[in-house]
Amino acid sequence: MFGQVWSREDHLSARDRSIVTVTAIMAGGVLTPALQSHIERAKASGVTAEEMAEILTHAAFYAGWPKAWAAMSMAKDVYTD
């Protein structure tokens, strides 16, 4: 099922899906390796480190700073590699 949703690039690109997914997982407080793997997928889909920082900063105002700081830490690890 997830593969079917992710393959619908004629409706929404993988890059945009990654942004939505990272934001939703972070906002839901799922600060686990699942979030890190989606940050990795976002990077592979072309989301830059600067864009990821901006995405997480923007989401922090709506989802909460503690969640965003945890996600930022994961993103830092992903984008430092």
N, C-alpha and C. Protein backbone atom coordinates (compact mmCIF):
# COMPACT_ATOMS: atom_id res chain seq x y z
N MET A 1 0.81 -1.19 0.00
CA MET A 1 0.00 0.00 0.00
C MET A 1 0.86 1.26 0.00
N PHE A 2 1.89 1.30 0.88
CA PHE A 2 2.73 2.50 0.93
C PHE A 2 3.43 2.72 -0.41
N GLY A 3 3.88 1.63 -1.04
CA GLY A 3 4.54 1.74 -2.33
C GLY A 3 3.63 2.34 -3.38
N GLN A 4 2.35 1.99 -3.32
CA GLN A 4 1.40 2.55 -4.28
C GLN A 4 1.25 4.05 -4.09
N VAL A 5 1.22 4.48 -2.85
CA VAL A 5 1.08 5.92 -2.57
C VAL A 5 2.34 6.66 -3.02
N TRP A 6 3.51 6.12 -2.68
CA TRP A 6 4.76 6.79 -3.03
C TRP A 6 5.01 6.81 -4.54
N SER A 7 4.42 5.89 -5.28
CA SER A 7 4.67 5.83 -6.72
C SER A 7 3.78 6.78 -7.52
N ARG A 8 2.89 7.48 -6.87
CA ARG A 8 1.96 8.37 -7.57
C ARG A 8 2.59 9.75 -7.84
N GLU A 9 3.75 9.74 -8.50
CA GLU A 9 4.50 10.97 -8.72
C GLU A 9 3.83 11.92 -9.72
N ASP A 10 2.84 11.43 -10.44
CA ASP A 10 2.12 12.34 -11.33
C ASP A 10 1.20 13.26 -10.53
N HIS A 11 0.98 12.93 -9.25
CA HIS A 11 0.16 13.76 -8.37
C HIS A 11 1.00 14.60 -7.41
N LEU A 12 2.08 14.01 -6.92
CA LEU A 12 2.97 14.69 -5.97
C LEU A 12 4.34 14.03 -6.07
N SER A 13 5.38 14.80 -6.21
CA SER A 13 6.72 14.24 -6.38
C SER A 13 7.19 13.53 -5.11
N ALA A 14 8.15 12.63 -5.29
CA ALA A 14 8.74 11.94 -4.13
C ALA A 14 9.37 12.95 -3.18
N ARG A 15 9.95 14.00 -3.72
CA ARG A 15 10.56 15.05 -2.90
C ARG A 15 9.51 15.71 -2.02
N ASP A 16 8.39 16.08 -2.61
CA ASP A 16 7.32 16.72 -1.84
C ASP A 16 6.70 15.74 -0.84
N ARG A 17 6.54 14.48 -1.24
CA ARG A 17 6.02 13.48 -0.32
C ARG A 17 6.95 13.32 0.88
N SER A 18 8.26 13.37 0.63
CA SER A 18 9.22 13.26 1.72
C SER A 18 9.08 14.42 2.70
N ILE A 19 8.90 15.62 2.17
CA ILE A 19 8.73 16.80 3.03
C ILE A 19 7.48 16.64 3.89
N VAL A 20 6.39 16.24 3.29
CA VAL A 20 5.14 16.05 4.04
C VAL A 20 5.32 14.95 5.09
N THR A 21 5.96 13.86 4.70
CA THR A 21 6.12 12.73 5.61
C THR A 21 7.00 13.08 6.81
N VAL A 22 8.13 13.72 6.56
CA VAL A 22 9.00 14.13 7.66
C VAL A 22 8.25 15.05 8.61
N THR A 23 7.53 16.00 8.07
CA THR A 23 6.78 16.95 8.88
C THR A 23 5.70 16.23 9.70
N ALA A 24 4.98 15.33 9.08
CA ALA A 24 3.90 14.62 9.78
C ALA A 24 4.45 13.72 10.88
N ILE A 25 5.52 13.01 10.60
CA ILE A 25 6.10 12.12 11.60
C ILE A 25 6.64 12.93 12.78
N MET A 26 7.34 14.01 12.47
CA MET A 26 7.87 14.87 13.54
C MET A 26 6.74 15.47 14.37
N ALA A 27 5.72 15.96 13.71
CA ALA A 27 4.59 16.58 14.42
C ALA A 27 3.87 15.57 15.29
N GLY A 28 3.84 14.32 14.86
CA GLY A 28 3.20 13.27 15.63
C GLY A 28 4.04 12.79 16.80
N GLY A 29 5.25 13.29 16.89
CA GLY A 29 6.11 12.93 18.01
C GLY A 29 6.80 11.58 17.86
N VAL A 30 6.86 11.07 16.64
CA VAL A 30 7.52 9.79 16.39
C VAL A 30 9.00 10.09 16.15
N LEU A 31 9.72 10.26 17.24
CA LEU A 31 11.13 10.66 17.18
C LEU A 31 12.01 9.43 17.29
N THR A 32 11.82 8.53 16.36
CA THR A 32 12.47 7.22 16.34
C THR A 32 13.29 7.07 15.06
N PRO A 33 13.95 5.95 14.90
CA PRO A 33 14.67 5.72 13.64
C PRO A 33 13.78 5.84 12.40
N ALA A 34 12.48 5.69 12.55
CA ALA A 34 11.57 5.87 11.41
C ALA A 34 11.68 7.30 10.87
N LEU A 35 11.75 8.27 11.76
CA LEU A 35 11.91 9.66 11.32
C LEU A 35 13.24 9.84 10.62
N GLN A 36 14.29 9.29 11.19
CA GLN A 36 15.61 9.43 10.57
C GLN A 36 15.62 8.80 9.17
N SER A 37 14.98 7.66 9.01
CA SER A 37 14.97 7.04 7.68
C SER A 37 14.20 7.89 6.67
N HIS A 38 13.18 8.59 7.11
CA HIS A 38 12.45 9.47 6.19
C HIS A 38 13.24 10.74 5.90
N ILE A 39 14.03 11.19 6.85
CA ILE A 39 14.93 12.33 6.57
C ILE A 39 15.97 11.89 5.54
N GLU A 40 16.47 10.66 5.68
CA GLU A 40 17.42 10.13 4.69
C GLU A 40 16.77 10.04 3.31
N ARG A 41 15.53 9.60 3.28
CA ARG A 41 14.80 9.50 2.01
C ARG A 41 14.60 10.89 1.41
N ALA A 42 14.31 11.87 2.26
CA ALA A 42 14.15 13.25 1.77
C ALA A 42 15.46 13.74 1.16
N LYS A 43 16.56 13.47 1.81
CA LYS A 43 17.87 13.86 1.28
C LYS A 43 18.09 13.19 -0.07
N ALA A 44 17.80 11.90 -0.18
CA ALA A 44 17.97 11.18 -1.44
C ALA A 44 17.03 11.71 -2.52
N SER A 45 15.92 12.30 -2.11
CA SER A 45 14.95 12.85 -3.06
C SER A 45 15.27 14.29 -3.45
N GLY A 46 16.37 14.83 -2.92
CA GLY A 46 16.81 16.15 -3.33
C GLY A 46 16.58 17.29 -2.36
N VAL A 47 16.07 16.99 -1.17
CA VAL A 47 15.88 18.05 -0.17
C VAL A 47 17.26 18.38 0.41
N THR A 48 17.65 19.64 0.32
CA THR A 48 18.97 20.05 0.81
C THR A 48 18.96 20.21 2.33
N ALA A 49 20.14 20.29 2.90
CA ALA A 49 20.27 20.50 4.34
C ALA A 49 19.61 21.81 4.75
N GLU A 50 19.80 22.85 3.95
CA GLU A 50 19.22 24.15 4.25
C GLU A 50 17.69 24.09 4.19
N GLU A 51 17.17 23.39 3.21
CA GLU A 51 15.72 23.24 3.11
C GLU A 51 15.17 22.45 4.29
N MET A 52 15.85 21.36 4.67
CA MET A 52 15.38 20.56 5.79
C MET A 52 15.37 21.39 7.07
N ALA A 53 16.40 22.19 7.29
CA ALA A 53 16.44 23.05 8.47
C ALA A 53 15.26 24.02 8.46
N GLU A 54 14.96 24.58 7.31
CA GLU A 54 13.84 25.52 7.20
C GLU A 54 12.50 24.81 7.40
N ILE A 55 12.36 23.63 6.84
CA ILE A 55 11.13 22.84 7.01
C ILE A 55 10.88 22.55 8.48
N LEU A 56 11.92 22.09 9.17
CA LEU A 56 11.76 21.74 10.59
C LEU A 56 11.55 22.97 11.46
N THR A 57 12.20 24.07 11.11
CA THR A 57 11.99 25.31 11.86
C THR A 57 10.56 25.80 11.68
N HIS A 58 10.08 25.78 10.46
CA HIS A 58 8.70 26.20 10.20
C HIS A 58 7.72 25.31 10.96
N ALA A 59 7.92 24.01 10.90
CA ALA A 59 7.03 23.06 11.57
C ALA A 59 7.08 23.21 13.09
N ALA A 60 8.20 23.67 13.61
CA ALA A 60 8.35 23.81 15.07
C ALA A 60 7.29 24.75 15.65
N PHE A 61 6.92 25.77 14.90
CA PHE A 61 5.92 26.71 15.40
C PHE A 61 4.54 26.08 15.54
N TYR A 62 4.30 25.01 14.83
CA TYR A 62 3.00 24.35 14.85
C TYR A 62 3.01 23.05 15.64
N ALA A 63 4.14 22.36 15.64
CA ALA A 63 4.23 21.04 16.29
C ALA A 63 4.96 21.08 17.62
N GLY A 64 5.71 22.14 17.86
CA GLY A 64 6.44 22.27 19.11
C GLY A 64 7.94 22.19 18.91
N TRP A 65 8.62 23.03 19.64
CA TRP A 65 10.08 23.11 19.53
C TRP A 65 10.80 21.85 20.02
N PRO A 66 10.37 21.21 21.11
CA PRO A 66 11.09 20.00 21.53
C PRO A 66 11.13 18.92 20.45
N LYS A 67 10.03 18.72 19.75
CA LYS A 67 10.01 17.74 18.66
C LYS A 67 10.93 18.18 17.53
N ALA A 68 10.88 19.46 17.21
CA ALA A 68 11.70 19.97 16.12
C ALA A 68 13.19 19.87 16.44
N TRP A 69 13.55 20.14 17.69
CA TRP A 69 14.97 20.04 18.06
C TRP A 69 15.46 18.60 17.94
N ALA A 70 14.62 17.65 18.33
CA ALA A 70 15.00 16.23 18.18
C ALA A 70 15.16 15.88 16.71
N ALA A 71 14.23 16.35 15.88
CA ALA A 71 14.31 16.09 14.44
C ALA A 71 15.52 16.78 13.82
N MET A 72 15.83 17.99 14.29
CA MET A 72 17.01 18.70 13.80
C MET A 72 18.28 17.92 14.09
N SER A 73 18.34 17.33 15.27
CA SER A 73 19.50 16.53 15.64
C SER A 73 19.65 15.35 14.68
N MET A 74 18.55 14.70 14.36
CA MET A 74 18.61 13.58 13.41
C MET A 74 19.02 14.08 12.03
N ALA A 75 18.46 15.19 11.62
CA ALA A 75 18.78 15.74 10.30
C ALA A 75 20.26 16.11 10.23
N LYS A 76 20.78 16.65 11.31
CA LYS A 76 22.21 17.01 11.34
C LYS A 76 23.06 15.77 11.10
N ASP A 77 22.70 14.66 11.74
CA ASP A 77 23.43 13.40 11.54
C ASP A 77 23.33 12.94 10.09
N VAL A 78 22.14 13.03 9.51
CA VAL A 78 21.93 12.58 8.13
C VAL A 78 22.72 13.44 7.15
N TYR A 79 22.66 14.74 7.33
CA TYR A 79 23.30 15.63 6.36
C TYR A 79 24.79 15.82 6.61
N THR A 80 25.28 15.36 7.73
CA THR A 80 26.73 15.45 8.00
C THR A 80 27.48 14.31 7.31
N ASP A 81 26.78 13.21 7.08
CA ASP A 81 27.43 12.04 6.45
C ASP A 81 27.92 12.33 5.06
